[in-house]
Structure formats: structure tokens, C-alpha cells
Amino acid sequence: MSLSPKQQRNLEILQTMAANGIKGNWDIVRPFVDDNLEMIMPEGLPYGKTFHGWDGYREGLAALGFWTELSFTPGEMVPTEDKVIYLSHLNAKIKSNGKAVSQPYVAVWEIKNEKVVKITAFYFDTKQIADLASQ
């Protein structure tokens, strides 16, 4: 199945942000972040909350410092006309105590006018993460 031009562009935007955001290449990422972005991390996580705007996007990425050895595999991206669904598996250790976490992970990136307007993260078991973090 071939992608529409809009689906292809949405996929390119997410790939660019994923490759550069975690590295702090803000000049590359900034044009794709809507000024009113909402980044939703589940409330059950120790860093769970809704982050807003450009500063919130950067704060949300910084919150991932909760982890060490963080990886998302295999990382399949499924584009639609206004979203990219990122299907993955989280593998990481909690930075404060070294406890390992391995579980399914999904994020839905909503894109309008070539800007990300909303990112919603879905962790398979936030209770497991919170419980391990409190040990």
C-alpha cells in the first residue's frame, strides 16, 4: 500500500523529530512543534503530566531523564492523514535504582499544517513503573 503525500510528509516529520529531539538539535525540531502543543504523559508515571508548547516539549523530553539505557524497539510508524501512530517496545532502567522495565509502548502524534499539535504517550503498565521507582 502506498502512502498519500500527506501521510508521507507526516512520517518524515516524526522521523526528523525522533532523530533530532532526543539529541537536543532544537533548530531542526522547532519548526515542527506547534506553539500550543500538548504532550501528554500518563499521570501514573512519576513524571506524568501534560506538557504545553515548545518549552513543554523540551521539558517532556528532559523528563525522560528518569530513565537510563532507554530504547524503543522495533519502532514501527503508521501514518494517517492527521496522525502518526508509533508502535514500539520500551526497554530501560530507572535511573535512580537501576530497576529494569520492558513493556509495550505506543504514542499518537497528531499533526496539523506540518506541525505536531499533540503527542499522547501510552505506557502498557504505569503501575509497574511507579512501583519499581519507589523501591
N, C-alpha and C. Protein backbone atom coordinates (compact mmCIF):
# COMPACT_ATOMS: atom_id res chain seq x y z
N MET A 1 0.84 -1.18 0.00
CA MET A 1 0.00 0.00 0.00
C MET A 1 0.89 1.25 0.00
N SER A 2 0.61 2.15 -0.90
CA SER A 2 1.41 3.37 -0.96
C SER A 2 0.78 4.45 -0.08
N LEU A 3 1.63 5.34 0.35
CA LEU A 3 1.20 6.43 1.22
C LEU A 3 0.81 7.64 0.38
N SER A 4 -0.16 8.39 0.88
CA SER A 4 -0.50 9.67 0.25
C SER A 4 0.64 10.65 0.52
N PRO A 5 0.72 11.73 -0.24
CA PRO A 5 1.77 12.73 0.04
C PRO A 5 1.69 13.26 1.48
N LYS A 6 0.49 13.45 1.99
CA LYS A 6 0.35 13.95 3.36
C LYS A 6 0.82 12.92 4.38
N GLN A 7 0.48 11.65 4.17
CA GLN A 7 0.94 10.59 5.07
C GLN A 7 2.46 10.51 5.05
N GLN A 8 3.03 10.58 3.86
CA GLN A 8 4.50 10.52 3.72
C GLN A 8 5.14 11.70 4.45
N ARG A 9 4.58 12.88 4.30
CA ARG A 9 5.13 14.07 4.96
C ARG A 9 5.01 13.95 6.48
N ASN A 10 3.87 13.47 6.98
CA ASN A 10 3.71 13.27 8.42
C ASN A 10 4.75 12.29 8.95
N LEU A 11 5.01 11.24 8.21
CA LEU A 11 6.02 10.26 8.59
C LEU A 11 7.41 10.91 8.64
N GLU A 12 7.72 11.71 7.65
CA GLU A 12 9.01 12.41 7.61
C GLU A 12 9.17 13.35 8.80
N ILE A 13 8.10 14.05 9.17
CA ILE A 13 8.14 14.97 10.31
C ILE A 13 8.47 14.20 11.59
N LEU A 14 7.77 13.10 11.82
CA LEU A 14 8.02 12.33 13.04
C LEU A 14 9.43 11.74 13.02
N GLN A 15 9.87 11.22 11.91
CA GLN A 15 11.22 10.66 11.83
C GLN A 15 12.27 11.72 12.12
N THR A 16 12.07 12.93 11.59
CA THR A 16 13.01 14.03 11.83
C THR A 16 13.02 14.41 13.31
N MET A 17 11.83 14.51 13.90
CA MET A 17 11.75 14.87 15.32
C MET A 17 12.35 13.79 16.21
N ALA A 18 12.07 12.53 15.90
CA ALA A 18 12.59 11.42 16.70
C ALA A 18 14.12 11.37 16.63
N ALA A 19 14.66 11.60 15.47
CA ALA A 19 16.11 11.52 15.30
C ALA A 19 16.85 12.70 15.94
N ASN A 20 16.18 13.85 16.03
CA ASN A 20 16.87 15.06 16.47
C ASN A 20 16.47 15.58 17.84
N GLY A 21 15.22 15.31 18.28
CA GLY A 21 14.76 15.82 19.57
C GLY A 21 15.55 15.28 20.74
N ILE A 22 15.79 13.98 20.74
CA ILE A 22 16.50 13.35 21.85
C ILE A 22 17.96 13.81 21.91
N LYS A 23 18.49 14.30 20.78
CA LYS A 23 19.87 14.79 20.73
C LYS A 23 19.95 16.28 21.06
N GLY A 24 18.79 16.92 21.21
CA GLY A 24 18.79 18.35 21.51
C GLY A 24 19.08 19.23 20.31
N ASN A 25 18.84 18.73 19.10
CA ASN A 25 19.01 19.53 17.88
C ASN A 25 17.77 20.41 17.68
N TRP A 26 17.64 21.40 18.55
CA TRP A 26 16.41 22.19 18.63
C TRP A 26 16.12 22.98 17.37
N ASP A 27 17.16 23.45 16.67
CA ASP A 27 16.94 24.23 15.46
C ASP A 27 16.27 23.38 14.37
N ILE A 28 16.50 22.08 14.38
CA ILE A 28 15.88 21.19 13.40
C ILE A 28 14.45 20.84 13.81
N VAL A 29 14.23 20.67 15.11
CA VAL A 29 12.94 20.21 15.63
C VAL A 29 11.92 21.35 15.76
N ARG A 30 12.36 22.51 16.16
CA ARG A 30 11.46 23.62 16.49
C ARG A 30 10.42 23.94 15.41
N PRO A 31 10.77 23.95 14.12
CA PRO A 31 9.76 24.30 13.11
C PRO A 31 8.57 23.34 13.06
N PHE A 32 8.70 22.16 13.63
CA PHE A 32 7.63 21.16 13.58
C PHE A 32 6.76 21.11 14.84
N VAL A 33 7.08 21.95 15.83
CA VAL A 33 6.34 21.94 17.09
C VAL A 33 5.39 23.13 17.13
N ASP A 34 4.10 22.85 17.20
CA ASP A 34 3.09 23.90 17.29
C ASP A 34 3.25 24.67 18.61
N ASP A 35 3.00 25.97 18.57
CA ASP A 35 3.12 26.79 19.79
C ASP A 35 2.18 26.33 20.89
N ASN A 36 1.09 25.68 20.53
CA ASN A 36 0.11 25.21 21.51
C ASN A 36 0.14 23.69 21.70
N LEU A 37 1.29 23.09 21.41
CA LEU A 37 1.44 21.64 21.56
C LEU A 37 1.01 21.16 22.94
N GLU A 38 0.37 19.99 22.96
CA GLU A 38 0.11 19.27 24.22
C GLU A 38 0.85 17.95 24.14
N MET A 39 1.69 17.67 25.13
CA MET A 39 2.39 16.40 25.22
C MET A 39 1.90 15.73 26.50
N ILE A 40 1.17 14.65 26.34
CA ILE A 40 0.52 14.00 27.48
C ILE A 40 1.28 12.75 27.89
N MET A 41 1.84 12.79 29.08
CA MET A 41 2.47 11.63 29.70
C MET A 41 1.50 11.13 30.76
N PRO A 42 1.24 9.83 30.84
CA PRO A 42 0.24 9.31 31.77
C PRO A 42 0.50 9.75 33.21
N GLU A 43 -0.57 10.15 33.88
CA GLU A 43 -0.48 10.63 35.26
C GLU A 43 0.12 9.58 36.21
N GLY A 44 0.00 8.30 35.89
CA GLY A 44 0.53 7.25 36.74
C GLY A 44 2.04 7.15 36.76
N LEU A 45 2.70 7.85 35.86
CA LEU A 45 4.16 7.84 35.83
C LEU A 45 4.71 8.86 36.83
N PRO A 46 5.90 8.60 37.38
CA PRO A 46 6.50 9.59 38.28
C PRO A 46 6.67 10.96 37.64
N TYR A 47 6.81 11.01 36.33
CA TYR A 47 6.94 12.29 35.62
C TYR A 47 5.69 12.60 34.78
N GLY A 48 4.60 11.92 35.08
CA GLY A 48 3.38 12.06 34.30
C GLY A 48 2.68 13.40 34.50
N LYS A 49 2.37 14.04 33.39
CA LYS A 49 1.59 15.28 33.38
C LYS A 49 1.42 15.69 31.93
N THR A 50 0.71 16.76 31.69
CA THR A 50 0.58 17.31 30.35
C THR A 50 1.51 18.50 30.22
N PHE A 51 2.37 18.43 29.23
CA PHE A 51 3.32 19.50 28.96
C PHE A 51 2.74 20.34 27.82
N HIS A 52 3.03 21.66 27.84
CA HIS A 52 2.41 22.57 26.87
C HIS A 52 3.46 23.39 26.12
N GLY A 53 3.23 23.55 24.81
CA GLY A 53 4.06 24.42 23.99
C GLY A 53 5.47 23.92 23.78
N TRP A 54 6.28 24.79 23.21
CA TRP A 54 7.67 24.47 22.90
C TRP A 54 8.45 24.17 24.18
N ASP A 55 8.30 25.02 25.19
CA ASP A 55 9.01 24.77 26.45
C ASP A 55 8.55 23.46 27.08
N GLY A 56 7.25 23.17 26.97
CA GLY A 56 6.72 21.92 27.49
C GLY A 56 7.27 20.71 26.75
N TYR A 57 7.43 20.83 25.44
CA TYR A 57 8.02 19.74 24.66
C TYR A 57 9.43 19.44 25.16
N ARG A 58 10.21 20.47 25.35
CA ARG A 58 11.59 20.29 25.84
C ARG A 58 11.58 19.74 27.26
N GLU A 59 10.67 20.22 28.09
CA GLU A 59 10.55 19.72 29.47
C GLU A 59 10.14 18.24 29.46
N GLY A 60 9.23 17.87 28.56
CA GLY A 60 8.81 16.47 28.46
C GLY A 60 9.95 15.56 28.05
N LEU A 61 10.76 16.01 27.11
CA LEU A 61 11.93 15.21 26.73
C LEU A 61 12.92 15.13 27.88
N ALA A 62 13.10 16.23 28.60
CA ALA A 62 14.02 16.22 29.76
C ALA A 62 13.52 15.25 30.84
N ALA A 63 12.19 15.12 30.96
CA ALA A 63 11.63 14.20 31.97
C ALA A 63 12.03 12.76 31.69
N LEU A 64 12.36 12.46 30.43
CA LEU A 64 12.81 11.11 30.10
C LEU A 64 14.16 10.80 30.72
N GLY A 65 14.79 11.80 31.35
CA GLY A 65 16.00 11.58 32.13
C GLY A 65 15.73 10.70 33.34
N PHE A 66 14.46 10.43 33.63
CA PHE A 66 14.05 9.46 34.66
C PHE A 66 14.67 8.11 34.35
N TRP A 67 14.90 7.84 33.06
CA TRP A 67 15.41 6.55 32.59
C TRP A 67 16.89 6.61 32.28
N THR A 68 17.51 5.43 32.24
CA THR A 68 18.84 5.25 31.69
C THR A 68 18.75 4.05 30.74
N GLU A 69 19.63 3.98 29.79
CA GLU A 69 19.63 2.90 28.80
C GLU A 69 18.26 2.79 28.11
N LEU A 70 17.65 3.93 27.83
CA LEU A 70 16.32 3.98 27.23
C LEU A 70 16.38 3.66 25.74
N SER A 71 15.55 2.71 25.32
CA SER A 71 15.42 2.43 23.89
C SER A 71 13.99 2.02 23.58
N PHE A 72 13.58 2.35 22.38
CA PHE A 72 12.27 1.96 21.88
C PHE A 72 12.50 1.08 20.65
N THR A 73 12.07 -0.17 20.73
CA THR A 73 12.27 -1.08 19.61
C THR A 73 11.00 -1.85 19.32
N PRO A 74 10.72 -2.36 18.18
CA PRO A 74 11.45 -2.08 16.96
C PRO A 74 11.10 -0.72 16.37
N GLY A 75 9.99 -0.13 16.77
CA GLY A 75 9.67 1.22 16.32
C GLY A 75 9.01 1.30 14.97
N GLU A 76 7.77 0.88 14.88
CA GLU A 76 7.00 0.97 13.64
C GLU A 76 6.15 2.23 13.67
N MET A 77 6.22 3.01 12.60
CA MET A 77 5.45 4.24 12.50
C MET A 77 4.36 4.06 11.45
N VAL A 78 3.11 4.32 11.85
CA VAL A 78 1.96 4.14 10.97
C VAL A 78 1.31 5.51 10.74
N PRO A 79 1.49 6.09 9.55
CA PRO A 79 0.93 7.42 9.30
C PRO A 79 -0.51 7.36 8.80
N THR A 80 -1.30 8.36 9.20
CA THR A 80 -2.63 8.60 8.65
C THR A 80 -2.61 10.03 8.11
N GLU A 81 -3.75 10.54 7.74
CA GLU A 81 -3.80 11.91 7.19
C GLU A 81 -3.52 12.99 8.24
N ASP A 82 -3.78 12.70 9.53
CA ASP A 82 -3.54 13.72 10.56
C ASP A 82 -2.82 13.20 11.79
N LYS A 83 -2.33 11.95 11.73
CA LYS A 83 -1.64 11.36 12.88
C LYS A 83 -0.54 10.43 12.40
N VAL A 84 0.41 10.18 13.29
CA VAL A 84 1.34 9.08 13.11
C VAL A 84 1.29 8.29 14.41
N ILE A 85 1.01 7.01 14.27
CA ILE A 85 0.95 6.12 15.43
C ILE A 85 2.28 5.40 15.51
N TYR A 86 2.92 5.53 16.65
CA TYR A 86 4.24 4.93 16.86
C TYR A 86 4.09 3.73 17.78
N LEU A 87 4.28 2.54 17.21
CA LEU A 87 4.16 1.28 17.94
C LEU A 87 5.56 0.81 18.29
N SER A 88 5.79 0.52 19.57
CA SER A 88 7.14 0.18 19.96
C SER A 88 7.16 -0.67 21.22
N HIS A 89 8.35 -0.90 21.72
CA HIS A 89 8.55 -1.62 22.97
C HIS A 89 9.61 -0.84 23.75
N LEU A 90 9.25 -0.43 24.96
CA LEU A 90 10.15 0.32 25.83
C LEU A 90 11.07 -0.64 26.56
N ASN A 91 12.35 -0.37 26.50
CA ASN A 91 13.35 -1.08 27.29
C ASN A 91 14.20 -0.02 27.96
N ALA A 92 14.28 -0.08 29.29
CA ALA A 92 15.05 0.94 30.00
C ALA A 92 15.29 0.50 31.43
N LYS A 93 16.10 1.29 32.11
CA LYS A 93 16.31 1.12 33.55
C LYS A 93 15.95 2.43 34.22
N ILE A 94 15.38 2.33 35.40
CA ILE A 94 15.06 3.51 36.18
C ILE A 94 16.37 4.07 36.72
N LYS A 95 16.64 5.32 36.41
CA LYS A 95 17.93 5.93 36.72
C LYS A 95 18.26 5.88 38.21
N SER A 96 17.27 6.10 39.06
CA SER A 96 17.53 6.21 40.50
C SER A 96 17.90 4.89 41.17
N ASN A 97 17.47 3.75 40.58
CA ASN A 97 17.73 2.48 41.27
C ASN A 97 18.15 1.33 40.35
N GLY A 98 18.22 1.57 39.05
CA GLY A 98 18.67 0.54 38.11
C GLY A 98 17.67 -0.55 37.80
N LYS A 99 16.43 -0.43 38.29
CA LYS A 99 15.41 -1.46 38.02
C LYS A 99 15.04 -1.43 36.53
N ALA A 100 14.98 -2.62 35.93
CA ALA A 100 14.70 -2.74 34.51
C ALA A 100 13.20 -2.76 34.23
N VAL A 101 12.82 -2.14 33.12
CA VAL A 101 11.44 -2.13 32.65
C VAL A 101 11.46 -2.51 31.17
N SER A 102 10.56 -3.41 30.81
CA SER A 102 10.40 -3.81 29.42
C SER A 102 8.91 -4.03 29.19
N GLN A 103 8.30 -3.20 28.33
CA GLN A 103 6.86 -3.30 28.09
C GLN A 103 6.48 -2.60 26.79
N PRO A 104 5.31 -2.96 26.25
CA PRO A 104 4.84 -2.29 25.04
C PRO A 104 4.62 -0.80 25.28
N TYR A 105 4.77 -0.03 24.22
CA TYR A 105 4.63 1.42 24.27
C TYR A 105 4.03 1.90 22.95
N VAL A 106 3.11 2.83 23.04
CA VAL A 106 2.50 3.44 21.85
C VAL A 106 2.44 4.95 22.09
N ALA A 107 2.68 5.71 21.04
CA ALA A 107 2.48 7.16 21.09
C ALA A 107 1.71 7.58 19.85
N VAL A 108 0.77 8.47 20.04
CA VAL A 108 0.00 9.01 18.92
C VAL A 108 0.40 10.47 18.76
N TRP A 109 0.94 10.79 17.60
CA TRP A 109 1.38 12.14 17.27
C TRP A 109 0.35 12.74 16.32
N GLU A 110 -0.29 13.82 16.72
CA GLU A 110 -1.26 14.50 15.86
C GLU A 110 -0.58 15.68 15.18
N ILE A 111 -0.77 15.76 13.86
CA ILE A 111 -0.07 16.74 13.05
C ILE A 111 -1.08 17.54 12.23
N LYS A 112 -0.97 18.86 12.31
CA LYS A 112 -1.81 19.77 11.50
C LYS A 112 -0.90 20.83 10.90
N ASN A 113 -1.05 21.04 9.61
CA ASN A 113 -0.27 22.06 8.91
C ASN A 113 1.24 21.87 9.13
N GLU A 114 1.67 20.61 9.09
CA GLU A 114 3.07 20.23 9.24
C GLU A 114 3.66 20.60 10.59
N LYS A 115 2.80 20.70 11.60
CA LYS A 115 3.26 20.93 12.97
C LYS A 115 2.60 19.92 13.90
N VAL A 116 3.38 19.43 14.86
CA VAL A 116 2.84 18.50 15.85
C VAL A 116 2.04 19.30 16.86
N VAL A 117 0.76 18.96 16.99
CA VAL A 117 -0.12 19.69 17.90
C VAL A 117 -0.40 18.90 19.18
N LYS A 118 -0.20 17.57 19.12
CA LYS A 118 -0.47 16.77 20.31
C LYS A 118 0.31 15.46 20.23
N ILE A 119 0.90 15.09 21.35
CA ILE A 119 1.56 13.79 21.49
C ILE A 119 0.96 13.13 22.72
N THR A 120 0.38 11.95 22.53
CA THR A 120 -0.18 11.20 23.66
C THR A 120 0.58 9.90 23.78
N ALA A 121 1.22 9.71 24.94
CA ALA A 121 2.01 8.50 25.19
C ALA A 121 1.17 7.49 25.96
N PHE A 122 1.25 6.24 25.54
CA PHE A 122 0.54 5.14 26.20
C PHE A 122 1.56 4.11 26.65
N TYR A 123 1.78 4.04 27.95
CA TYR A 123 2.66 3.03 28.53
C TYR A 123 1.80 1.84 28.93
N PHE A 124 2.27 0.64 28.72
CA PHE A 124 1.48 -0.56 28.97
C PHE A 124 1.12 -0.70 30.45
N ASP A 125 2.06 -0.40 31.36
CA ASP A 125 1.81 -0.62 32.79
C ASP A 125 2.50 0.47 33.62
N THR A 126 1.80 1.59 33.81
CA THR A 126 2.38 2.69 34.59
C THR A 126 2.53 2.30 36.06
N LYS A 127 1.68 1.43 36.56
CA LYS A 127 1.78 1.00 37.96
C LYS A 127 3.10 0.25 38.18
N GLN A 128 3.46 -0.61 37.25
CA GLN A 128 4.73 -1.33 37.38
C GLN A 128 5.89 -0.33 37.47
N ILE A 129 5.86 0.68 36.60
CA ILE A 129 6.94 1.68 36.59
C ILE A 129 6.96 2.44 37.91
N ALA A 130 5.80 2.90 38.38
CA ALA A 130 5.74 3.65 39.64
C ALA A 130 6.18 2.78 40.81
N ASP A 131 5.74 1.52 40.84
CA ASP A 131 6.13 0.61 41.93
C ASP A 131 7.65 0.38 41.93
N LEU A 132 8.22 0.13 40.76
CA LEU A 132 9.66 -0.09 40.69
C LEU A 132 10.45 1.16 41.07
N ALA A 133 9.93 2.32 40.69
CA ALA A 133 10.60 3.58 41.02
C ALA A 133 10.61 3.86 42.51
N SER A 134 9.62 3.34 43.22
CA SER A 134 9.55 3.61 44.66
C SER A 134 10.38 2.63 45.50
N GLN A 135 11.00 1.67 44.87
CA GLN A 135 11.80 0.67 45.61
C GLN A 135 13.19 1.19 45.91
